[in-house]
Protein backbone atom coordinates (compact mmCIF):
# COMPACT_ATOMS: atom_id res chain seq x y z
CA MET A 1 23.40 9.93 7.99
CA ASP A 2 21.21 12.68 9.16
CA THR A 3 17.91 12.24 10.57
CA ALA A 4 16.15 12.90 7.26
CA GLU A 5 18.47 10.38 5.61
CA ILE A 6 17.50 7.80 8.29
CA PHE A 7 13.99 8.46 7.87
CA ASN A 8 14.03 7.88 4.09
CA HIS A 9 16.11 4.78 4.71
CA VAL A 10 13.73 3.45 7.09
CA ARG A 11 10.52 4.45 5.01
CA LYS A 12 11.91 2.67 1.88
CA THR A 13 12.81 -0.39 3.97
CA THR A 14 9.53 -0.61 5.80
CA MET A 15 7.23 -0.29 2.52
CA ALA A 16 9.47 -2.93 0.74
CA GLU A 17 9.30 -5.24 3.76
CA ILE A 18 5.57 -4.81 3.69
CA GLU A 19 5.34 -5.27 -0.02
CA ASP A 20 7.20 -8.69 0.30
CA ALA A 21 5.12 -10.00 3.25
CA ILE A 22 1.81 -9.16 1.53
CA GLY A 23 3.30 -10.67 -1.84
CA LYS A 24 3.61 -13.95 -0.19
CA ILE A 25 0.35 -14.57 1.19
CA ASP A 26 -1.54 -17.38 -0.61
CA ALA A 27 -4.38 -15.56 -2.55
CA LYS A 28 -6.37 -18.80 -2.49
CA MET A 29 -6.50 -18.96 1.20
CA ALA A 30 -7.43 -15.24 1.15
CA ALA A 31 -10.15 -15.89 -1.08
CA GLU A 32 -11.32 -18.81 1.17
CA LEU A 33 -11.41 -16.29 3.97
CA VAL A 34 -13.51 -13.78 1.95
CA SER A 35 -15.98 -16.47 1.03
CA GLU A 36 -16.26 -17.59 4.74
CA ILE A 37 -16.71 -13.87 5.83
CA LEU A 38 -19.53 -13.51 3.14
CA ARG A 39 -21.50 -16.61 4.27
CA SER A 40 -21.12 -16.20 8.13
CA ARG A 41 -23.94 -14.67 10.16
CA LYS A 42 -21.78 -12.64 12.31
CA VAL A 43 -17.87 -12.14 12.49
CA PHE A 44 -16.04 -12.14 15.65
CA CYS A 45 -12.39 -11.03 15.90
CA VAL A 46 -9.79 -11.61 18.63
CA GLY A 47 -6.01 -10.71 19.11
CA VAL A 48 -4.02 -9.16 21.78
CA GLY A 49 -1.53 -6.23 21.82
CA ARG A 50 -0.94 -4.59 18.58
CA VAL A 51 -2.34 -7.33 16.70
CA MET A 52 -5.47 -6.62 18.75
CA LEU A 53 -5.33 -2.73 17.19
CA ALA A 54 -4.95 -4.21 13.69
CA LEU A 55 -7.93 -6.55 14.14
CA GLN A 56 -9.99 -3.83 15.75
CA ALA A 57 -9.64 -1.65 12.48
CA PHE A 58 -10.52 -4.74 10.39
CA THR A 59 -13.57 -5.18 12.52
CA LYS A 60 -14.64 -1.78 12.11
CA ARG A 61 -14.13 -1.83 8.21
CA LEU A 62 -16.12 -5.00 7.97
CA ALA A 63 -19.02 -3.09 9.96
CA HIS A 64 -18.59 -0.38 7.38
CA LEU A 65 -19.32 -2.96 4.64
CA GLY A 66 -22.73 -4.05 6.33
CA ILE A 67 -21.33 -7.11 7.91
CA ASP A 68 -22.27 -7.83 11.42
CA ALA A 69 -18.79 -7.73 12.94
CA HIS A 70 -17.50 -7.68 16.46
CA PHE A 71 -14.36 -7.74 18.66
CA VAL A 72 -14.29 -10.30 21.39
CA GLY A 73 -14.44 -8.52 24.60
CA GLU A 74 -16.21 -5.14 23.72
CA ILE A 75 -19.11 -4.09 25.97
CA THR A 76 -21.95 -4.95 23.41
CA GLU A 77 -20.39 -8.34 22.13
CA PRO A 78 -23.18 -10.71 21.34
CA ALA A 79 -23.33 -14.61 21.64
CA ILE A 80 -21.29 -16.48 19.26
CA LYS A 81 -23.13 -19.17 17.67
CA LEU A 82 -23.04 -21.93 14.90
CA GLY A 83 -22.92 -20.22 11.57
CA ASP A 84 -20.56 -17.43 12.80
CA LEU A 85 -16.95 -17.05 12.27
CA LEU A 86 -14.01 -16.30 14.69
CA ILE A 87 -11.09 -14.62 13.05
CA VAL A 88 -8.01 -15.07 15.43
CA GLY A 89 -4.84 -12.99 14.86
CA SER A 90 -1.64 -14.47 16.42
CA GLY A 91 1.53 -14.32 14.82
CA SER A 92 3.06 -17.08 16.84
CA GLY A 93 -0.31 -19.29 17.12
CA GLU A 94 0.63 -19.48 20.78
CA SER A 95 -1.00 -16.32 22.37
CA LEU A 96 -2.98 -17.77 25.46
CA PHE A 97 -5.91 -15.43 25.23
CA PRO A 98 -6.65 -16.01 21.62
CA LEU A 99 -5.88 -19.72 21.96
CA THR A 100 -8.49 -20.01 25.05
CA ILE A 101 -11.20 -18.00 23.02
CA ALA A 102 -10.75 -20.26 19.82
CA LYS A 103 -10.93 -23.58 22.11
CA LYS A 104 -14.21 -22.14 23.35
CA ALA A 105 -15.50 -21.25 19.98
CA LYS A 106 -14.52 -24.58 18.42
CA SER A 107 -16.58 -26.18 21.49
CA LEU A 108 -19.42 -24.28 20.05
CA GLY A 109 -19.07 -25.41 16.44
CA VAL A 110 -18.00 -22.14 15.13
CA ASN A 111 -15.76 -21.94 12.05
CA ILE A 112 -12.12 -20.42 13.03
CA ALA A 113 -9.81 -18.59 10.74
CA HIS A 114 -6.32 -17.86 12.11
CA ILE A 115 -4.06 -15.17 10.61
CA GLY A 116 -0.64 -15.75 11.70
CA SER A 117 3.10 -16.50 10.88
CA ASN A 118 3.54 -19.94 12.34
CA PRO A 119 1.34 -22.75 10.53
CA ASN A 120 2.52 -25.34 13.15
CA GLY A 121 1.45 -23.42 16.30
CA SER A 122 -1.02 -24.50 18.88
CA MET A 123 -3.70 -22.54 16.88
CA ALA A 124 -3.55 -25.06 14.10
CA GLN A 125 -5.63 -27.61 15.95
CA TYR A 126 -8.58 -25.17 16.16
CA SER A 127 -8.22 -23.55 12.74
CA ASP A 128 -10.45 -24.29 9.76
CA ILE A 129 -8.61 -21.75 7.53
CA MET A 130 -5.06 -20.33 8.12
CA ILE A 131 -3.71 -17.25 6.33
CA ARG A 132 -0.15 -17.23 6.76
CA ILE A 133 1.80 -13.82 6.87
CA PRO A 134 5.40 -15.38 6.48
CA VAL A 135 7.27 -12.65 8.43
CA ARG A 136 9.98 -13.08 11.04
CA THR A 137 9.07 -14.39 14.27
CA LYS A 138 10.88 -15.82 17.21
CA LEU A 139 10.71 -19.16 15.79
CA ALA A 140 13.27 -17.95 12.79
CA LEU A 141 11.58 -20.27 10.22
CA ALA A 142 13.59 -20.69 7.03
CA ASP A 143 10.96 -18.92 4.71
CA GLU A 144 10.18 -16.02 6.70
CA VAL A 145 10.61 -12.48 5.41
CA ASN A 146 13.22 -10.81 7.51
CA SER A 147 12.70 -7.24 8.97
CA GLU A 148 14.84 -4.46 10.03
CA GLN A 149 11.79 -3.23 12.35
CA PRO A 150 11.58 -4.27 16.13
CA MET A 151 9.81 -7.35 17.18
CA THR A 152 6.71 -8.16 15.25
CA SER A 153 5.94 -4.74 13.72
CA LEU A 154 6.01 -6.29 10.24
CA PHE A 155 3.12 -8.68 11.10
CA GLU A 156 0.92 -6.26 12.55
CA GLN A 157 1.43 -3.77 9.74
CA SER A 158 0.79 -6.68 7.22
CA LEU A 159 -2.21 -7.76 9.21
CA LEU A 160 -3.59 -4.34 8.93
CA VAL A 161 -2.95 -3.96 5.13
CA LEU A 162 -4.41 -7.42 4.51
CA GLY A 163 -7.74 -6.39 6.47
CA ASP A 164 -7.99 -3.50 4.06
CA ILE A 165 -7.30 -5.73 1.04
CA ILE A 166 -9.74 -8.16 2.07
CA ALA A 167 -12.19 -5.29 2.76
CA GLN A 168 -11.80 -4.14 -0.90
CA VAL A 169 -12.37 -7.62 -2.34
CA ILE A 170 -15.61 -7.87 -0.39
CA ILE A 171 -16.50 -4.42 -1.91
CA LYS A 172 -15.96 -5.98 -5.42
CA GLU A 173 -17.63 -9.22 -4.56
CA LYS A 174 -20.77 -7.74 -3.21
CA GLY A 175 -20.77 -4.92 -5.87
CA LEU A 176 -21.02 -2.28 -3.24
CA ASP A 177 -21.17 1.47 -4.25
CA MET A 178 -18.16 3.35 -2.50
CA ARG A 179 -20.49 6.21 -1.78
CA SER A 180 -23.06 4.09 -0.02
CA LEU A 181 -20.42 2.79 2.47
CA TRP A 182 -20.61 6.23 4.17
CA LEU A 183 -24.11 4.96 5.45
CA PHE A 184 -22.35 2.70 7.84
CA HIS A 185 -19.73 5.06 9.10
CA ALA A 186 -19.93 6.52 12.52
CA ASN A 187 -21.69 10.02 12.41
CA LEU A 188 -21.56 11.16 16.01
CA GLU A 189 -17.89 12.83 15.31
């Protein structure tokens, strides 16, 4: 196989994996997350590594929709309070920093949504909502979507796509005009 053929194979395989993973997300749980986002005063997101990057993109998109959204650790992060929502991204449900933040948020009475692959991880004890992206993890659970991609790439890609799907659902739920969304877009570019 030459490089172009390899590229086409990897493109098709990657897109099929993402479709498979997204297709297995429980729509009722995703709808519950949308409802929780819409009723929360503020939405905070936390994750590490590439999960952090996907969640930062989601946080930015929520801000574009007029939602008071923040990423944990950002320099302008306000206090989290009762009535706010913390969205934790952790495939394994065992990532130390997100677990510690979830524990602290729970002690403050904050609702927590976990987006991950492992419904039985340590994050389960803090989560009010769990959105499972059933992709391959180091746990090798029987129902996981297998992937030819390295490490947890499929989880991170699916998390990014899920965030954009949720954003579109919020747009429809709120009846937002797509052109008006540009009012919330950064303009110092």
